[in-house]
Amino acid sequence: MNDQTVEFSITDEKAKELKEKLSTIYEALKEKGYNPVNQIVGYILSEDPTYITTYNNARSLIRHIDRDELLQAMVKAYLKVK
């Protein structure tokens, strides 16, 4: 078993791109009447793209987001750290 710690690093530019995509996805879900937070969390936990609407290309956008980078950006935003 490999006991090395994996370290993820995300640049400010990548974080900005993630935020833009996630905002578009959020708005598409909201416009279609879904609870965006619940749907996005469902997708993150399951990787099932059907949690995300195809409206405004949201499903395609979510498929181009690396989940590890997304989770890292979310934790950083939640904890307000760089």
PDB file of N, CA and C in Angstrom:
ATOM      1  N   MET A   1       0.848  -1.187   0.000  1.00  0.00           N
ATOM      2  CA  MET A   1       0.000   0.000   0.000  1.00  0.00           C
ATOM      3  C   MET A   1       0.889   1.244   0.000  1.00  0.00           C
ATOM      4  N   ASN A   2       0.522   2.225  -0.737  1.00  0.00           N
ATOM      5  CA  ASN A   2       1.294   3.456  -0.846  1.00  0.00           C
ATOM      6  C   ASN A   2       0.842   4.425   0.237  1.00  0.00           C
ATOM      7  N   ASP A   3       1.764   4.792   1.118  1.00  0.00           N
ATOM      8  CA  ASP A   3       1.433   5.686   2.235  1.00  0.00           C
ATOM      9  C   ASP A   3       1.735   7.148   1.945  1.00  0.00           C
ATOM     10  N   GLN A   4       2.001   7.460   0.681  1.00  0.00           N
ATOM     11  CA  GLN A   4       2.299   8.850   0.345  1.00  0.00           C
ATOM     12  C   GLN A   4       1.018   9.662   0.282  1.00  0.00           C
ATOM     13  N   THR A   5       1.107  10.876   0.765  1.00  0.00           N
ATOM     14  CA  THR A   5      -0.021  11.797   0.714  1.00  0.00           C
ATOM     15  C   THR A   5      -0.052  12.450  -0.654  1.00  0.00           C
ATOM     16  N   VAL A   6      -1.228  12.485  -1.253  1.00  0.00           N
ATOM     17  CA  VAL A   6      -1.399  13.152  -2.532  1.00  0.00           C
ATOM     18  C   VAL A   6      -1.793  14.589  -2.257  1.00  0.00           C
ATOM     19  N   GLU A   7      -1.103  15.512  -2.898  1.00  0.00           N
ATOM     20  CA  GLU A   7      -1.395  16.928  -2.699  1.00  0.00           C
ATOM     21  C   GLU A   7      -1.969  17.503  -3.974  1.00  0.00           C
ATOM     22  N   PHE A   8      -3.102  18.149  -3.860  1.00  0.00           N
ATOM     23  CA  PHE A   8      -3.730  18.789  -5.000  1.00  0.00           C
ATOM     24  C   PHE A   8      -3.437  20.282  -4.941  1.00  0.00           C
ATOM     25  N   SER A   9      -3.239  20.855  -6.098  1.00  0.00           N
ATOM     26  CA  SER A   9      -2.995  22.284  -6.164  1.00  0.00           C
ATOM     27  C   SER A   9      -3.863  22.861  -7.277  1.00  0.00           C
ATOM     28  N   ILE A  10      -4.481  23.964  -6.981  1.00  0.00           N
ATOM     29  CA  ILE A  10      -5.346  24.604  -7.959  1.00  0.00           C
ATOM     30  C   ILE A  10      -4.965  26.077  -8.055  1.00  0.00           C
ATOM     31  N   THR A  11      -4.806  26.553  -9.264  1.00  0.00           N
ATOM     32  CA  THR A  11      -4.410  27.935  -9.472  1.00  0.00           C
ATOM     33  C   THR A  11      -5.614  28.854  -9.361  1.00  0.00           C
ATOM     34  N   ASP A  12      -5.353  30.128  -9.158  1.00  0.00           N
ATOM     35  CA  ASP A  12      -6.436  31.113  -9.091  1.00  0.00           C
ATOM     36  C   ASP A  12      -7.221  31.160 -10.402  1.00  0.00           C
ATOM     37  N   GLU A  13      -6.514  31.031 -11.506  1.00  0.00           N
ATOM     38  CA  GLU A  13      -7.175  31.065 -12.812  1.00  0.00           C
ATOM     39  C   GLU A  13      -8.103  29.853 -12.972  1.00  0.00           C
ATOM     40  N   LYS A  14      -7.634  28.697 -12.562  1.00  0.00           N
ATOM     41  CA  LYS A  14      -8.446  27.487 -12.634  1.00  0.00           C
ATOM     42  C   LYS A  14      -9.655  27.601 -11.698  1.00  0.00           C
ATOM     43  N   ALA A  15      -9.439  28.175 -10.527  1.00  0.00           N
ATOM     44  CA  ALA A  15     -10.539  28.365  -9.572  1.00  0.00           C
ATOM     45  C   ALA A  15     -11.591  29.303 -10.160  1.00  0.00           C
ATOM     46  N   LYS A  16     -11.151  30.333 -10.856  1.00  0.00           N
ATOM     47  CA  LYS A  16     -12.080  31.276 -11.488  1.00  0.00           C
ATOM     48  C   LYS A  16     -12.893  30.566 -12.574  1.00  0.00           C
ATOM     49  N   GLU A  17     -12.240  29.741 -13.362  1.00  0.00           N
ATOM     50  CA  GLU A  17     -12.915  28.982 -14.411  1.00  0.00           C
ATOM     51  C   GLU A  17     -13.939  28.012 -13.806  1.00  0.00           C
ATOM     52  N   LEU A  18     -13.555  27.344 -12.724  1.00  0.00           N
ATOM     53  CA  LEU A  18     -14.476  26.437 -12.036  1.00  0.00           C
ATOM     54  C   LEU A  18     -15.702  27.181 -11.531  1.00  0.00           C
ATOM     55  N   LYS A  19     -15.469  28.356 -10.950  1.00  0.00           N
ATOM     56  CA  LYS A  19     -16.573  29.140 -10.409  1.00  0.00           C
ATOM     57  C   LYS A  19     -17.527  29.571 -11.512  1.00  0.00           C
ATOM     58  N   GLU A  20     -16.992  29.976 -12.649  1.00  0.00           N
ATOM     59  CA  GLU A  20     -17.831  30.390 -13.772  1.00  0.00           C
ATOM     60  C   GLU A  20     -18.683  29.227 -14.277  1.00  0.00           C
ATOM     61  N   LYS A  21     -18.065  28.059 -14.444  1.00  0.00           N
ATOM     62  CA  LYS A  21     -18.800  26.890 -14.913  1.00  0.00           C
ATOM     63  C   LYS A  21     -19.856  26.472 -13.892  1.00  0.00           C
ATOM     64  N   LEU A  22     -19.462  26.426 -12.631  1.00  0.00           N
ATOM     65  CA  LEU A  22     -20.389  26.004 -11.594  1.00  0.00           C
ATOM     66  C   LEU A  22     -21.553  26.991 -11.463  1.00  0.00           C
ATOM     67  N   SER A  23     -21.269  28.273 -11.637  1.00  0.00           N
ATOM     68  CA  SER A  23     -22.330  29.284 -11.595  1.00  0.00           C
ATOM     69  C   SER A  23     -23.321  29.093 -12.739  1.00  0.00           C
ATOM     70  N   THR A  24     -22.817  28.774 -13.914  1.00  0.00           N
ATOM     71  CA  THR A  24     -23.680  28.510 -15.068  1.00  0.00           C
ATOM     72  C   THR A  24     -24.552  27.290 -14.810  1.00  0.00           C
ATOM     73  N   ILE A  25     -23.942  26.251 -14.262  1.00  0.00           N
ATOM     74  CA  ILE A  25     -24.670  25.022 -13.935  1.00  0.00           C
ATOM     75  C   ILE A  25     -25.737  25.313 -12.880  1.00  0.00           C
ATOM     76  N   TYR A  26     -25.362  26.047 -11.858  1.00  0.00           N
ATOM     77  CA  TYR A  26     -26.285  26.419 -10.776  1.00  0.00           C
ATOM     78  C   TYR A  26     -27.492  27.162 -11.340  1.00  0.00           C
ATOM     79  N   GLU A  27     -27.245  28.147 -12.175  1.00  0.00           N
ATOM     80  CA  GLU A  27     -28.329  28.949 -12.748  1.00  0.00           C
ATOM     81  C   GLU A  27     -29.235  28.108 -13.647  1.00  0.00           C
ATOM     82  N   ALA A  28     -28.648  27.198 -14.428  1.00  0.00           N
ATOM     83  CA  ALA A  28     -29.452  26.336 -15.297  1.00  0.00           C
ATOM     84  C   ALA A  28     -30.377  25.448 -14.461  1.00  0.00           C
ATOM     85  N   LEU A  29     -29.841  24.891 -13.373  1.00  0.00           N
ATOM     86  CA  LEU A  29     -30.653  24.055 -12.491  1.00  0.00           C
ATOM     87  C   LEU A  29     -31.770  24.868 -11.843  1.00  0.00           C
ATOM     88  N   LYS A  30     -31.428  26.073 -11.412  1.00  0.00           N
ATOM     89  CA  LYS A  30     -32.403  26.956 -10.759  1.00  0.00           C
ATOM     90  C   LYS A  30     -33.521  27.333 -11.739  1.00  0.00           C
ATOM     91  N   GLU A  31     -33.138  27.683 -12.966  1.00  0.00           N
ATOM     92  CA  GLU A  31     -34.120  28.073 -13.974  1.00  0.00           C
ATOM     93  C   GLU A  31     -35.072  26.928 -14.314  1.00  0.00           C
ATOM     94  N   LYS A  32     -34.598  25.690 -14.221  1.00  0.00           N
ATOM     95  CA  LYS A  32     -35.439  24.536 -14.520  1.00  0.00           C
ATOM     96  C   LYS A  32     -36.246  24.071 -13.313  1.00  0.00           C
ATOM     97  N   GLY A  33     -36.104  24.763 -12.171  1.00  0.00           N
ATOM     98  CA  GLY A  33     -36.918  24.464 -11.012  1.00  0.00           C
ATOM     99  C   GLY A  33     -36.335  23.450 -10.043  1.00  0.00           C
ATOM    100  N   TYR A  34     -35.077  23.105 -10.231  1.00  0.00           N
ATOM    101  CA  TYR A  34     -34.424  22.159  -9.325  1.00  0.00           C
ATOM    102  C   TYR A  34     -33.803  22.897  -8.144  1.00  0.00           C
ATOM    103  N   ASN A  35     -33.481  22.160  -7.090  1.00  0.00           N
ATOM    104  CA  ASN A  35     -32.682  22.695  -5.998  1.00  0.00           C
ATOM    105  C   ASN A  35     -31.223  22.506  -6.422  1.00  0.00           C
ATOM    106  N   PRO A  36     -30.555  23.575  -6.866  1.00  0.00           N
ATOM    107  CA  PRO A  36     -29.206  23.445  -7.436  1.00  0.00           C
ATOM    108  C   PRO A  36     -28.179  22.808  -6.499  1.00  0.00           C
ATOM    109  N   VAL A  37     -28.212  23.187  -5.238  1.00  0.00           N
ATOM    110  CA  VAL A  37     -27.229  22.646  -4.294  1.00  0.00           C
ATOM    111  C   VAL A  37     -27.407  21.137  -4.172  1.00  0.00           C
ATOM    112  N   ASN A  38     -28.635  20.685  -3.986  1.00  0.00           N
ATOM    113  CA  ASN A  38     -28.887  19.248  -3.857  1.00  0.00           C
ATOM    114  C   ASN A  38     -28.476  18.486  -5.116  1.00  0.00           C
ATOM    115  N   GLN A  39     -28.771  19.043  -6.261  1.00  0.00           N
ATOM    116  CA  GLN A  39     -28.435  18.374  -7.510  1.00  0.00           C
ATOM    117  C   GLN A  39     -26.924  18.293  -7.717  1.00  0.00           C
ATOM    118  N   ILE A  40     -26.221  19.374  -7.427  1.00  0.00           N
ATOM    119  CA  ILE A  40     -24.760  19.383  -7.596  1.00  0.00           C
ATOM    120  C   ILE A  40     -24.109  18.423  -6.609  1.00  0.00           C
ATOM    121  N   VAL A  41     -24.573  18.414  -5.361  1.00  0.00           N
ATOM    122  CA  VAL A  41     -24.036  17.481  -4.369  1.00  0.00           C
ATOM    123  C   VAL A  41     -24.297  16.039  -4.811  1.00  0.00           C
ATOM    124  N   GLY A  42     -25.491  15.774  -5.308  1.00  0.00           N
ATOM    125  CA  GLY A  42     -25.810  14.439  -5.811  1.00  0.00           C
ATOM    126  C   GLY A  42     -24.857  14.016  -6.910  1.00  0.00           C
ATOM    127  N   TYR A  43     -24.566  14.931  -7.811  1.00  0.00           N
ATOM    128  CA  TYR A  43     -23.617  14.626  -8.882  1.00  0.00           C
ATOM    129  C   TYR A  43     -22.219  14.361  -8.320  1.00  0.00           C
ATOM    130  N   ILE A  44     -21.763  15.213  -7.418  1.00  0.00           N
ATOM    131  CA  ILE A  44     -20.412  15.052  -6.865  1.00  0.00           C
ATOM    132  C   ILE A  44     -20.275  13.700  -6.167  1.00  0.00           C
ATOM    133  N   LEU A  45     -21.281  13.318  -5.415  1.00  0.00           N
ATOM    134  CA  LEU A  45     -21.215  12.059  -4.668  1.00  0.00           C
ATOM    135  C   LEU A  45     -21.325  10.831  -5.567  1.00  0.00           C
ATOM    136  N   SER A  46     -22.119  10.922  -6.615  1.00  0.00           N
ATOM    137  CA  SER A  46     -22.397   9.736  -7.422  1.00  0.00           C
ATOM    138  C   SER A  46     -21.699   9.708  -8.781  1.00  0.00           C
ATOM    139  N   GLU A  47     -21.295  10.861  -9.280  1.00  0.00           N
ATOM    140  CA  GLU A  47     -20.787  11.032 -10.643  1.00  0.00           C
ATOM    141  C   GLU A  47     -21.847  10.684 -11.695  1.00  0.00           C
ATOM    142  N   ASP A  48     -23.109  10.695 -11.294  1.00  0.00           N
ATOM    143  CA  ASP A  48     -24.206  10.422 -12.212  1.00  0.00           C
ATOM    144  C   ASP A  48     -24.618  11.734 -12.880  1.00  0.00           C
ATOM    145  N   PRO A  49     -24.339  11.887 -14.170  1.00  0.00           N
ATOM    146  CA  PRO A  49     -24.627  13.160 -14.841  1.00  0.00           C
ATOM    147  C   PRO A  49     -26.106  13.497 -14.932  1.00  0.00           C
ATOM    148  N   THR A  50     -26.992  12.517 -14.679  1.00  0.00           N
ATOM    149  CA  THR A  50     -28.425  12.824 -14.776  1.00  0.00           C
ATOM    150  C   THR A  50     -28.899  13.730 -13.646  1.00  0.00           C
ATOM    151  N   TYR A  51     -28.062  13.965 -12.641  1.00  0.00           N
ATOM    152  CA  TYR A  51     -28.394  14.956 -11.612  1.00  0.00           C
ATOM    153  C   TYR A  51     -28.383  16.378 -12.181  1.00  0.00           C
ATOM    154  N   ILE A  52     -27.706  16.547 -13.316  1.00  0.00           N
ATOM    155  CA  ILE A  52     -27.536  17.870 -13.915  1.00  0.00           C
ATOM    156  C   ILE A  52     -28.354  17.954 -15.196  1.00  0.00           C
ATOM    157  N   THR A  53     -29.123  19.013 -15.331  1.00  0.00           N
ATOM    158  CA  THR A  53     -29.948  19.231 -16.506  1.00  0.00           C
ATOM    159  C   THR A  53     -29.088  19.457 -17.756  1.00  0.00           C
ATOM    160  N   THR A  54     -29.657  19.140 -18.898  1.00  0.00           N
ATOM    161  CA  THR A  54     -28.977  19.436 -20.161  1.00  0.00           C
ATOM    162  C   THR A  54     -29.212  20.891 -20.581  1.00  0.00           C
ATOM    163  N   TYR A  55     -30.147  21.544 -19.918  1.00  0.00           N
ATOM    164  CA  TYR A  55     -30.479  22.936 -20.224  1.00  0.00           C
ATOM    165  C   TYR A  55     -29.232  23.818 -20.143  1.00  0.00           C
ATOM    166  N   ASN A  56     -29.070  24.696 -21.116  1.00  0.00           N
ATOM    167  CA  ASN A  56     -27.919  25.614 -21.208  1.00  0.00           C
ATOM    168  C   ASN A  56     -26.571  24.885 -21.170  1.00  0.00           C
ATOM    169  N   ASN A  57     -26.555  23.645 -21.657  1.00  0.00           N
ATOM    170  CA  ASN A  57     -25.319  22.875 -21.762  1.00  0.00           C
ATOM    171  C   ASN A  57     -24.699  22.536 -20.401  1.00  0.00           C
ATOM    172  N   ALA A  58     -25.514  22.582 -19.344  1.00  0.00           N
ATOM    173  CA  ALA A  58     -24.992  22.380 -17.989  1.00  0.00           C
ATOM    174  C   ALA A  58     -24.383  20.995 -17.795  1.00  0.00           C
ATOM    175  N   ARG A  59     -25.010  19.963 -18.333  1.00  0.00           N
ATOM    176  CA  ARG A  59     -24.482  18.607 -18.157  1.00  0.00           C
ATOM    177  C   ARG A  59     -23.125  18.452 -18.826  1.00  0.00           C
ATOM    178  N   SER A  60     -22.982  19.036 -19.975  1.00  0.00           N
ATOM    179  CA  SER A  60     -21.686  18.985 -20.666  1.00  0.00           C
ATOM    180  C   SER A  60     -20.619  19.740 -19.864  1.00  0.00           C
ATOM    181  N   LEU A  61     -21.000  20.885 -19.307  1.00  0.00           N
ATOM    182  CA  LEU A  61     -20.056  21.662 -18.499  1.00  0.00           C
ATOM    183  C   LEU A  61     -19.576  20.878 -17.278  1.00  0.00           C
ATOM    184  N   ILE A  62     -20.496  20.216 -16.583  1.00  0.00           N
ATOM    185  CA  ILE A  62     -20.119  19.505 -15.355  1.00  0.00           C
ATOM    186  C   ILE A  62     -19.176  18.347 -15.671  1.00  0.00           C
ATOM    187  N   ARG A  63     -19.307  17.770 -16.845  1.00  0.00           N
ATOM    188  CA  ARG A  63     -18.424  16.664 -17.241  1.00  0.00           C
ATOM    189  C   ARG A  63     -16.993  17.125 -17.491  1.00  0.00           C
ATOM    190  N   HIS A  64     -16.804  18.420 -17.703  1.00  0.00           N
ATOM    191  CA  HIS A  64     -15.466  18.962 -17.937  1.00  0.00           C
ATOM    192  C   HIS A  64     -14.826  19.526 -16.674  1.00  0.00           C
ATOM    193  N   ILE A  65     -15.469  19.302 -15.550  1.00  0.00           N
ATOM    194  CA  ILE A  65     -14.924  19.761 -14.270  1.00  0.00           C
ATOM    195  C   ILE A  65     -14.339  18.566 -13.538  1.00  0.00           C
ATOM    196  N   ASP A  66     -13.076  18.678 -13.148  1.00  0.00           N
ATOM    197  CA  ASP A  66     -12.430  17.633 -12.368  1.00  0.00           C
ATOM    198  C   ASP A  66     -12.971  17.676 -10.941  1.00  0.00           C
ATOM    199  N   ARG A  67     -13.528  16.572 -10.475  1.00  0.00           N
ATOM    200  CA  ARG A  67     -14.158  16.555  -9.150  1.00  0.00           C
ATOM    201  C   ARG A  67     -13.170  16.865  -8.034  1.00  0.00           C
ATOM    202  N   ASP A  68     -11.945  16.381  -8.136  1.00  0.00           N
ATOM    203  CA  ASP A  68     -10.953  16.666  -7.096  1.00  0.00           C
ATOM    204  C   ASP A  68     -10.664  18.167  -7.012  1.00  0.00           C
ATOM    205  N   GLU A  69     -10.525  18.806  -8.170  1.00  0.00           N
ATOM    206  CA  GLU A  69     -10.290  20.250  -8.183  1.00  0.00           C
ATOM    207  C   GLU A  69     -11.501  21.002  -7.649  1.00  0.00           C
ATOM    208  N   LEU A  70     -12.689  20.540  -8.015  1.00  0.00           N
ATOM    209  CA  LEU A  70     -13.905  21.176  -7.534  1.00  0.00           C
ATOM    210  C   LEU A  70     -14.002  21.068  -6.012  1.00  0.00           C
ATOM    211  N   LEU A  71     -13.769  19.888  -5.475  1.00  0.00           N
ATOM    212  CA  LEU A  71     -13.835  19.707  -4.020  1.00  0.00           C
ATOM    213  C   LEU A  71     -12.785  20.551  -3.304  1.00  0.00           C
ATOM    214  N   GLN A  72     -11.583  20.620  -3.874  1.00  0.00           N
ATOM    215  CA  GLN A  72     -10.539  21.442  -3.269  1.00  0.00           C
ATOM    216  C   GLN A  72     -10.952  22.911  -3.250  1.00  0.00           C
ATOM    217  N   ALA A  73     -11.484  23.394  -4.362  1.00  0.00           N
ATOM    218  CA  ALA A  73     -11.912  24.792  -4.436  1.00  0.00           C
ATOM    219  C   ALA A  73     -13.045  25.064  -3.447  1.00  0.00           C
ATOM    220  N   MET A  74     -13.960  24.105  -3.305  1.00  0.00           N
ATOM    221  CA  MET A  74     -15.077  24.277  -2.386  1.00  0.00           C
ATOM    222  C   MET A  74     -14.606  24.331  -0.932  1.00  0.00           C
ATOM    223  N   VAL A  75     -13.680  23.453  -0.567  1.00  0.00           N
ATOM    224  CA  VAL A  75     -13.156  23.453   0.802  1.00  0.00           C
ATOM    225  C   VAL A  75     -12.413  24.757   1.078  1.00  0.00           C
ATOM    226  N   LYS A  76     -11.606  25.193   0.114  1.00  0.00           N
ATOM    227  CA  LYS A  76     -10.882  26.455   0.290  1.00  0.00           C
ATOM    228  C   LYS A  76     -11.853  27.617   0.454  1.00  0.00           C
ATOM    229  N   ALA A  77     -12.885  27.648  -0.356  1.00  0.00           N
ATOM    230  CA  ALA A  77     -13.881  28.733  -0.262  1.00  0.00           C
ATOM    231  C   ALA A  77     -14.608  28.677   1.070  1.00  0.00           C
ATOM    232  N   TYR A  78     -14.952  27.486   1.505  1.00  0.00           N
ATOM    233  CA  TYR A  78     -15.672  27.326   2.768  1.00  0.00           C
ATOM    234  C   TYR A  78     -14.820  27.780   3.948  1.00  0.00           C
ATOM    235  N   LEU A  79     -13.547  27.423   3.901  1.00  0.00           N
ATOM    236  CA  LEU A  79     -12.637  27.788   4.992  1.00  0.00           C
ATOM    237  C   LEU A  79     -11.990  29.151   4.791  1.00  0.00           C
ATOM    238  N   LYS A  80     -12.232  29.731   3.605  1.00  0.00           N
ATOM    239  CA  LYS A  80     -11.665  31.043   3.257  1.00  0.00           C
ATOM    240  C   LYS A  80     -10.145  31.052   3.379  1.00  0.00           C
ATOM    241  N   VAL A  81      -9.506  30.062   2.753  1.00  0.00           N
ATOM    242  CA  VAL A  81      -8.040  29.966   2.746  1.00  0.00           C
ATOM    243  C   VAL A  81      -7.573  29.988   1.301  1.00  0.00           C
ATOM    244  N   LYS A  82      -6.318  30.318   1.099  1.00  0.00           N
ATOM    245  CA  LYS A  82      -5.724  30.321  -0.245  1.00  0.00           C
ATOM    246  C   LYS A  82      -4.940  29.086  -0.492  1.00  0.00           C
TER     247      LYS A  82
END
